[in-house]
N, C-alpha and C. Protein backbone atom coordinates (compact mmCIF):
# COMPACT_ATOMS: atom_id res chain seq x y z
N MET A 1 -12.39 62.09 111.63
CA MET A 1 -11.50 62.88 110.81
C MET A 1 -11.56 62.37 109.37
N TRP A 2 -11.72 63.28 108.42
CA TRP A 2 -11.82 62.93 107.02
C TRP A 2 -10.49 63.02 106.29
N THR A 3 -9.53 63.73 106.84
CA THR A 3 -8.27 63.95 106.13
C THR A 3 -7.12 63.18 106.78
N GLY A 4 -6.12 62.91 105.96
CA GLY A 4 -4.92 62.24 106.44
C GLY A 4 -3.73 62.67 105.62
N ARG A 5 -2.65 61.95 105.73
CA ARG A 5 -1.39 62.32 105.10
C ARG A 5 -1.38 62.15 103.58
N GLY A 6 -2.37 61.47 103.03
CA GLY A 6 -2.39 61.27 101.58
C GLY A 6 -1.17 60.51 101.14
N THR A 7 -0.44 61.09 100.22
CA THR A 7 0.76 60.43 99.70
C THR A 7 2.00 60.76 100.51
N GLY A 8 1.82 61.35 101.68
CA GLY A 8 2.97 61.56 102.56
C GLY A 8 3.17 62.95 103.10
N ILE A 9 2.19 63.84 102.97
CA ILE A 9 2.38 65.19 103.51
C ILE A 9 2.32 65.15 105.03
N ASP A 10 2.93 66.13 105.66
CA ASP A 10 2.85 66.26 107.11
C ASP A 10 3.05 67.72 107.48
N GLY A 11 3.11 67.98 108.75
CA GLY A 11 3.37 69.32 109.24
C GLY A 11 2.37 70.35 108.76
N ALA A 12 2.87 71.47 108.27
CA ALA A 12 2.03 72.59 107.86
C ALA A 12 1.11 72.21 106.70
N ALA A 13 1.59 71.39 105.78
CA ALA A 13 0.75 70.99 104.65
C ALA A 13 -0.45 70.17 105.11
N LEU A 14 -0.24 69.26 106.05
CA LEU A 14 -1.34 68.46 106.59
C LEU A 14 -2.30 69.35 107.37
N ASP A 15 -1.77 70.28 108.15
CA ASP A 15 -2.63 71.20 108.90
C ASP A 15 -3.50 72.01 107.94
N ARG A 16 -2.91 72.52 106.87
CA ARG A 16 -3.66 73.32 105.90
C ARG A 16 -4.72 72.47 105.21
N LYS A 17 -4.37 71.27 104.81
CA LYS A 17 -5.33 70.37 104.17
C LYS A 17 -6.51 70.11 105.10
N THR A 18 -6.22 69.84 106.36
CA THR A 18 -7.27 69.58 107.35
C THR A 18 -8.17 70.79 107.52
N GLN A 19 -7.58 71.99 107.57
CA GLN A 19 -8.36 73.23 107.71
C GLN A 19 -9.26 73.46 106.50
N VAL A 20 -8.74 73.25 105.31
CA VAL A 20 -9.52 73.47 104.09
C VAL A 20 -10.70 72.51 104.03
N VAL A 21 -10.46 71.25 104.32
CA VAL A 21 -11.54 70.26 104.30
C VAL A 21 -12.57 70.58 105.38
N ALA A 22 -12.11 70.92 106.58
CA ALA A 22 -13.04 71.26 107.67
C ALA A 22 -13.89 72.47 107.30
N ALA A 23 -13.29 73.47 106.67
CA ALA A 23 -14.04 74.66 106.26
C ALA A 23 -15.09 74.31 105.20
N GLY A 24 -14.72 73.45 104.26
CA GLY A 24 -15.67 73.03 103.23
C GLY A 24 -16.83 72.25 103.82
N VAL A 25 -16.53 71.36 104.74
CA VAL A 25 -17.59 70.57 105.39
C VAL A 25 -18.47 71.47 106.25
N ALA A 26 -17.86 72.43 106.96
CA ALA A 26 -18.65 73.36 107.78
C ALA A 26 -19.59 74.18 106.91
N ARG A 27 -19.12 74.59 105.76
CA ARG A 27 -19.93 75.43 104.88
C ARG A 27 -21.00 74.64 104.15
N HIS A 28 -20.69 73.43 103.71
CA HIS A 28 -21.60 72.68 102.85
C HIS A 28 -22.05 71.35 103.43
N GLY A 29 -21.69 71.06 104.67
CA GLY A 29 -21.98 69.77 105.27
C GLY A 29 -23.45 69.44 105.39
N GLY A 30 -24.31 70.44 105.34
CA GLY A 30 -25.74 70.20 105.42
C GLY A 30 -26.36 69.73 104.11
N GLN A 31 -25.58 69.78 103.04
CA GLN A 31 -26.07 69.35 101.73
C GLN A 31 -26.23 67.83 101.71
N GLN A 32 -27.03 67.36 100.80
CA GLN A 32 -27.26 65.93 100.67
C GLN A 32 -26.99 65.47 99.25
N GLY A 33 -26.69 64.20 99.10
CA GLY A 33 -26.59 63.57 97.79
C GLY A 33 -25.71 64.30 96.80
N LEU A 34 -26.26 64.52 95.63
CA LEU A 34 -25.48 65.13 94.56
C LEU A 34 -25.10 66.57 94.84
N ASP A 35 -25.83 67.24 95.73
CA ASP A 35 -25.45 68.61 96.10
C ASP A 35 -24.10 68.62 96.82
N ILE A 36 -23.81 67.59 97.58
CA ILE A 36 -22.49 67.48 98.22
C ILE A 36 -21.41 67.41 97.15
N LEU A 37 -21.63 66.60 96.14
CA LEU A 37 -20.67 66.48 95.04
C LEU A 37 -20.52 67.82 94.32
N ARG A 38 -21.62 68.50 94.09
CA ARG A 38 -21.59 69.80 93.41
C ARG A 38 -20.81 70.83 94.21
N CYS A 39 -21.00 70.83 95.52
CA CYS A 39 -20.37 71.85 96.38
C CYS A 39 -18.92 71.53 96.75
N LEU A 40 -18.60 70.26 96.94
CA LEU A 40 -17.29 69.90 97.46
C LEU A 40 -16.40 69.15 96.48
N GLY A 41 -16.95 68.68 95.38
CA GLY A 41 -16.16 67.90 94.43
C GLY A 41 -15.76 68.72 93.22
N GLY A 42 -14.79 68.21 92.50
CA GLY A 42 -14.38 68.83 91.25
C GLY A 42 -14.94 68.07 90.07
N ARG A 43 -14.61 68.53 88.90
CA ARG A 43 -15.10 67.87 87.68
C ARG A 43 -14.62 66.43 87.58
N GLU A 44 -13.41 66.17 88.06
CA GLU A 44 -12.90 64.80 87.98
C GLU A 44 -13.71 63.85 88.85
N LEU A 45 -14.18 64.32 90.00
CA LEU A 45 -15.01 63.48 90.87
C LEU A 45 -16.39 63.29 90.25
N ALA A 46 -16.92 64.35 89.65
CA ALA A 46 -18.21 64.23 88.96
C ALA A 46 -18.11 63.25 87.80
N ALA A 47 -16.98 63.26 87.09
CA ALA A 47 -16.78 62.32 85.99
C ALA A 47 -16.75 60.88 86.50
N MET A 48 -16.09 60.66 87.64
CA MET A 48 -16.06 59.31 88.23
C MET A 48 -17.47 58.86 88.59
N ALA A 49 -18.24 59.76 89.20
CA ALA A 49 -19.61 59.42 89.58
C ALA A 49 -20.44 59.10 88.34
N GLY A 50 -20.28 59.90 87.29
CA GLY A 50 -21.00 59.65 86.05
C GLY A 50 -20.64 58.32 85.42
N ALA A 51 -19.37 57.97 85.47
CA ALA A 51 -18.92 56.68 84.92
C ALA A 51 -19.53 55.52 85.69
N VAL A 52 -19.65 55.67 87.00
CA VAL A 52 -20.24 54.61 87.83
C VAL A 52 -21.73 54.47 87.53
N VAL A 53 -22.42 55.59 87.31
CA VAL A 53 -23.83 55.53 86.92
C VAL A 53 -23.97 54.82 85.57
N ALA A 54 -23.12 55.19 84.60
CA ALA A 54 -23.17 54.55 83.28
C ALA A 54 -22.92 53.05 83.40
N ALA A 55 -21.97 52.67 84.24
CA ALA A 55 -21.69 51.24 84.44
C ALA A 55 -22.89 50.54 85.05
N ARG A 56 -23.55 51.20 85.99
CA ARG A 56 -24.74 50.62 86.63
C ARG A 56 -25.83 50.34 85.58
N LEU A 57 -26.03 51.31 84.70
CA LEU A 57 -27.06 51.17 83.68
C LEU A 57 -26.75 50.04 82.70
N LYS A 58 -25.47 49.77 82.50
CA LYS A 58 -25.05 48.70 81.59
C LYS A 58 -24.77 47.39 82.33
N ARG A 59 -25.02 47.39 83.65
CA ARG A 59 -24.82 46.20 84.48
C ARG A 59 -23.36 45.73 84.47
N VAL A 60 -22.45 46.70 84.54
CA VAL A 60 -21.01 46.42 84.56
C VAL A 60 -20.50 46.64 85.98
N PRO A 61 -19.84 45.66 86.58
CA PRO A 61 -19.29 45.86 87.92
C PRO A 61 -18.14 46.87 87.90
N VAL A 62 -17.94 47.53 89.03
CA VAL A 62 -16.92 48.58 89.14
C VAL A 62 -16.05 48.30 90.36
N LEU A 63 -14.74 48.43 90.19
CA LEU A 63 -13.80 48.40 91.30
C LEU A 63 -13.48 49.83 91.69
N LEU A 64 -13.74 50.18 92.92
CA LEU A 64 -13.41 51.51 93.44
C LEU A 64 -12.01 51.44 94.03
N ASP A 65 -11.11 52.24 93.51
CA ASP A 65 -9.72 52.19 93.95
C ASP A 65 -9.43 53.30 94.95
N GLY A 66 -9.62 53.01 96.21
CA GLY A 66 -9.19 53.93 97.25
C GLY A 66 -10.20 54.98 97.66
N TYR A 67 -9.72 55.90 98.46
CA TYR A 67 -10.54 56.90 99.13
C TYR A 67 -11.19 57.87 98.16
N VAL A 68 -10.41 58.43 97.25
CA VAL A 68 -10.96 59.44 96.35
C VAL A 68 -12.08 58.87 95.50
N CYS A 69 -11.88 57.70 94.94
CA CYS A 69 -12.93 57.07 94.13
C CYS A 69 -14.18 56.78 94.96
N THR A 70 -13.98 56.29 96.16
CA THR A 70 -15.11 55.99 97.03
C THR A 70 -15.86 57.26 97.40
N ALA A 71 -15.12 58.33 97.70
CA ALA A 71 -15.75 59.61 98.04
C ALA A 71 -16.50 60.19 96.84
N ALA A 72 -15.97 60.00 95.65
CA ALA A 72 -16.61 60.54 94.46
C ALA A 72 -17.99 59.93 94.22
N VAL A 73 -18.16 58.66 94.56
CA VAL A 73 -19.42 57.99 94.27
C VAL A 73 -20.36 57.90 95.47
N ALA A 74 -19.89 58.24 96.66
CA ALA A 74 -20.73 58.17 97.86
C ALA A 74 -22.03 58.96 97.72
N PRO A 75 -22.03 60.14 97.09
CA PRO A 75 -23.29 60.87 96.94
C PRO A 75 -24.35 60.11 96.14
N LEU A 76 -23.93 59.22 95.28
CA LEU A 76 -24.90 58.42 94.52
C LEU A 76 -25.71 57.53 95.45
N GLN A 77 -25.04 56.94 96.44
CA GLN A 77 -25.72 56.08 97.42
C GLN A 77 -26.68 56.90 98.27
N ALA A 78 -26.29 58.13 98.60
CA ALA A 78 -27.17 59.00 99.39
C ALA A 78 -28.40 59.38 98.57
N GLU A 79 -28.22 59.52 97.29
CA GLU A 79 -29.31 59.91 96.38
C GLU A 79 -30.25 58.74 96.12
N VAL A 80 -29.68 57.57 95.86
CA VAL A 80 -30.47 56.37 95.54
C VAL A 80 -29.87 55.18 96.28
N PRO A 81 -30.48 54.77 97.39
CA PRO A 81 -29.96 53.60 98.11
C PRO A 81 -29.85 52.40 97.17
N GLY A 82 -28.71 51.73 97.24
CA GLY A 82 -28.45 50.59 96.35
C GLY A 82 -27.74 50.97 95.07
N ALA A 83 -27.51 52.27 94.87
CA ALA A 83 -26.87 52.73 93.63
C ALA A 83 -25.46 52.20 93.46
N LEU A 84 -24.84 51.78 94.55
CA LEU A 84 -23.47 51.28 94.48
C LEU A 84 -23.38 49.77 94.66
N ASP A 85 -24.50 49.09 94.50
CA ASP A 85 -24.50 47.64 94.69
C ASP A 85 -23.60 46.92 93.69
N HIS A 86 -23.30 47.54 92.57
CA HIS A 86 -22.43 46.94 91.56
C HIS A 86 -20.96 47.30 91.78
N CYS A 87 -20.68 48.03 92.85
CA CYS A 87 -19.32 48.50 93.13
C CYS A 87 -18.67 47.70 94.25
N ILE A 88 -17.39 47.44 94.08
CA ILE A 88 -16.58 46.75 95.08
C ILE A 88 -15.40 47.65 95.40
N VAL A 89 -15.14 47.87 96.68
CA VAL A 89 -13.97 48.65 97.07
C VAL A 89 -12.75 47.74 96.96
N ALA A 90 -11.82 48.11 96.10
CA ALA A 90 -10.65 47.26 95.84
C ALA A 90 -9.75 47.14 97.06
N HIS A 91 -9.50 48.27 97.72
CA HIS A 91 -8.61 48.22 98.89
C HIS A 91 -8.95 49.35 99.84
N ALA A 92 -8.60 49.14 101.10
CA ALA A 92 -8.78 50.17 102.12
C ALA A 92 -7.54 51.05 102.11
N SER A 93 -7.75 52.31 101.84
CA SER A 93 -6.65 53.27 101.86
C SER A 93 -6.15 53.44 103.29
N ALA A 94 -4.93 53.92 103.42
CA ALA A 94 -4.39 54.24 104.74
C ALA A 94 -5.01 55.52 105.29
N GLU A 95 -5.76 56.24 104.46
CA GLU A 95 -6.41 57.47 104.91
C GLU A 95 -7.50 57.14 105.94
N PRO A 96 -7.53 57.83 107.08
CA PRO A 96 -8.52 57.51 108.11
C PRO A 96 -9.96 57.71 107.65
N GLY A 97 -10.21 58.67 106.80
CA GLY A 97 -11.56 58.93 106.33
C GLY A 97 -12.12 57.82 105.45
N HIS A 98 -11.26 57.04 104.83
CA HIS A 98 -11.74 55.99 103.94
C HIS A 98 -12.49 54.91 104.73
N ARG A 99 -11.97 54.53 105.87
CA ARG A 99 -12.65 53.53 106.70
C ARG A 99 -14.02 54.05 107.15
N ARG A 100 -14.04 55.28 107.53
CA ARG A 100 -15.30 55.90 107.97
C ARG A 100 -16.32 55.90 106.83
N LEU A 101 -15.87 56.26 105.65
CA LEU A 101 -16.75 56.32 104.48
C LEU A 101 -17.23 54.92 104.08
N MET A 102 -16.32 53.95 104.07
CA MET A 102 -16.73 52.58 103.74
C MET A 102 -17.78 52.07 104.73
N ALA A 103 -17.60 52.39 106.00
CA ALA A 103 -18.58 51.97 107.01
C ALA A 103 -19.94 52.59 106.73
N GLU A 104 -19.95 53.87 106.38
CA GLU A 104 -21.22 54.53 106.09
C GLU A 104 -21.90 53.95 104.85
N LEU A 105 -21.10 53.47 103.91
CA LEU A 105 -21.65 52.88 102.68
C LEU A 105 -21.94 51.39 102.83
N GLY A 106 -21.51 50.80 103.95
CA GLY A 106 -21.70 49.37 104.15
C GLY A 106 -20.83 48.53 103.22
N LYS A 107 -19.65 49.03 102.90
CA LYS A 107 -18.74 48.34 101.99
C LYS A 107 -17.53 47.81 102.75
N GLN A 108 -17.07 46.63 102.34
CA GLN A 108 -15.84 46.04 102.86
C GLN A 108 -14.84 45.98 101.71
N PRO A 109 -13.58 46.29 101.95
CA PRO A 109 -12.60 46.23 100.86
C PRO A 109 -12.17 44.79 100.58
N LEU A 110 -11.75 44.54 99.36
CA LEU A 110 -11.17 43.24 99.05
C LEU A 110 -9.85 43.06 99.77
N PHE A 111 -9.07 44.16 99.85
CA PHE A 111 -7.75 44.12 100.49
C PHE A 111 -7.63 45.25 101.50
N ASP A 112 -6.89 44.99 102.56
CA ASP A 112 -6.58 46.01 103.56
C ASP A 112 -5.09 45.92 103.84
N LEU A 113 -4.32 46.54 102.98
CA LEU A 113 -2.86 46.44 103.04
C LEU A 113 -2.20 47.75 103.43
N GLY A 114 -3.00 48.73 103.86
CA GLY A 114 -2.44 50.01 104.27
C GLY A 114 -1.77 50.77 103.14
N MET A 115 -2.21 50.53 101.91
CA MET A 115 -1.57 51.17 100.76
C MET A 115 -1.94 52.64 100.66
N ARG A 116 -1.01 53.42 100.20
CA ARG A 116 -1.25 54.82 99.85
C ARG A 116 -0.39 55.15 98.63
N LEU A 117 -0.42 54.24 97.66
CA LEU A 117 0.45 54.35 96.50
C LEU A 117 -0.16 55.19 95.37
N GLY A 118 -1.48 55.14 95.23
CA GLY A 118 -2.11 55.81 94.11
C GLY A 118 -1.99 54.99 92.83
N GLU A 119 -2.28 55.62 91.71
CA GLU A 119 -2.15 55.01 90.40
C GLU A 119 -2.92 53.70 90.24
N ALA A 120 -4.03 53.57 90.93
CA ALA A 120 -4.90 52.40 90.81
C ALA A 120 -4.22 51.09 91.18
N SER A 121 -3.25 51.15 92.07
CA SER A 121 -2.52 49.94 92.46
C SER A 121 -3.43 48.93 93.15
N GLY A 122 -4.36 49.39 93.95
CA GLY A 122 -5.29 48.48 94.61
C GLY A 122 -6.22 47.80 93.61
N ALA A 123 -6.71 48.56 92.64
CA ALA A 123 -7.58 47.97 91.62
C ALA A 123 -6.81 46.98 90.76
N ALA A 124 -5.57 47.28 90.46
CA ALA A 124 -4.75 46.36 89.66
C ALA A 124 -4.60 45.02 90.38
N LEU A 125 -4.39 45.07 91.67
CA LEU A 125 -4.29 43.85 92.47
C LEU A 125 -5.63 43.12 92.49
N ALA A 126 -6.72 43.86 92.66
CA ALA A 126 -8.05 43.26 92.72
C ALA A 126 -8.45 42.62 91.40
N VAL A 127 -8.06 43.22 90.28
CA VAL A 127 -8.39 42.65 88.97
C VAL A 127 -7.77 41.26 88.83
N GLY A 128 -6.53 41.12 89.26
CA GLY A 128 -5.88 39.81 89.19
C GLY A 128 -6.61 38.76 90.00
N VAL A 129 -7.05 39.13 91.18
CA VAL A 129 -7.79 38.19 92.04
C VAL A 129 -9.15 37.87 91.42
N ALA A 130 -9.82 38.89 90.89
CA ALA A 130 -11.13 38.67 90.26
C ALA A 130 -11.00 37.74 89.05
N ARG A 131 -9.97 37.94 88.24
CA ARG A 131 -9.75 37.07 87.08
C ARG A 131 -9.48 35.63 87.52
N ALA A 132 -8.70 35.45 88.56
CA ALA A 132 -8.41 34.11 89.06
C ALA A 132 -9.68 33.44 89.58
N ALA A 133 -10.50 34.19 90.30
CA ALA A 133 -11.76 33.64 90.83
C ALA A 133 -12.70 33.26 89.69
N LEU A 134 -12.77 34.11 88.68
CA LEU A 134 -13.63 33.82 87.53
C LEU A 134 -13.15 32.58 86.79
N ALA A 135 -11.84 32.46 86.61
CA ALA A 135 -11.29 31.27 85.94
C ALA A 135 -11.60 30.01 86.73
N CYS A 136 -11.50 30.09 88.03
CA CYS A 136 -11.81 28.94 88.89
C CYS A 136 -13.29 28.57 88.75
N HIS A 137 -14.14 29.57 88.77
CA HIS A 137 -15.58 29.34 88.69
C HIS A 137 -15.99 28.75 87.34
N THR A 138 -15.51 29.36 86.27
CA THR A 138 -15.94 28.91 84.94
C THR A 138 -15.28 27.60 84.53
N GLY A 139 -14.14 27.28 85.11
CA GLY A 139 -13.45 26.04 84.76
C GLY A 139 -13.81 24.86 85.63
N MET A 140 -14.64 25.10 86.64
CA MET A 140 -14.98 24.03 87.58
C MET A 140 -16.07 23.13 87.00
N ALA A 141 -15.88 21.85 87.13
CA ALA A 141 -16.88 20.89 86.66
C ALA A 141 -18.09 20.90 87.58
N THR A 142 -19.24 20.60 87.00
CA THR A 142 -20.43 20.43 87.82
C THR A 142 -20.33 19.08 88.53
N PHE A 143 -21.20 18.85 89.50
CA PHE A 143 -21.21 17.55 90.17
C PHE A 143 -21.42 16.43 89.16
N ALA A 144 -22.34 16.65 88.21
CA ALA A 144 -22.63 15.62 87.21
C ALA A 144 -21.41 15.35 86.34
N GLU A 145 -20.73 16.42 85.90
CA GLU A 145 -19.54 16.26 85.06
C GLU A 145 -18.41 15.55 85.81
N ALA A 146 -18.32 15.81 87.10
CA ALA A 146 -17.25 15.22 87.91
C ALA A 146 -17.60 13.83 88.43
N GLY A 147 -18.83 13.39 88.18
CA GLY A 147 -19.24 12.07 88.64
C GLY A 147 -19.51 12.00 90.13
N VAL A 148 -19.83 13.14 90.72
CA VAL A 148 -20.15 13.18 92.15
C VAL A 148 -21.63 12.87 92.30
N SER A 149 -21.95 11.93 93.16
CA SER A 149 -23.35 11.56 93.33
C SER A 149 -24.08 12.61 94.15
N GLY A 150 -25.31 12.83 93.83
CA GLY A 150 -26.14 13.79 94.57
C GLY A 150 -26.77 13.12 95.76
N GLY A 151 -27.11 13.92 96.74
CA GLY A 151 -27.84 13.36 97.85
C GLY A 151 -27.05 13.27 99.04
């Protein structure tokens, strides 16, 4: 299943969402790579994919925040294996399709907190952890500086 409650819908709204997504996949599911994005994505998803390509070309790492961001860039991996090697999934969304998509992309999230908050909350959390890790790495003395003997 690719669809879930999102930010909290249920009942008829969830049924309708599931039907619309199923119809889109039935109609265009045979497409590959960027054609999937063209057929099933909007301009905002295409913009996300383009930004990730630009980051790749500039060797800038990218934090993917949740299901929508991951779905937006998945066609890039289908088009060019390894295209998302500079991307890290910040968190696993509570959406069931996100786990399925991460598995297909071979990605593990930094966090799995069942969040469905939106507003880049997972990326904000991941940035703090990344900054702390970088500070630890760059501030750590080498063995020689610390007087640790080799061997």
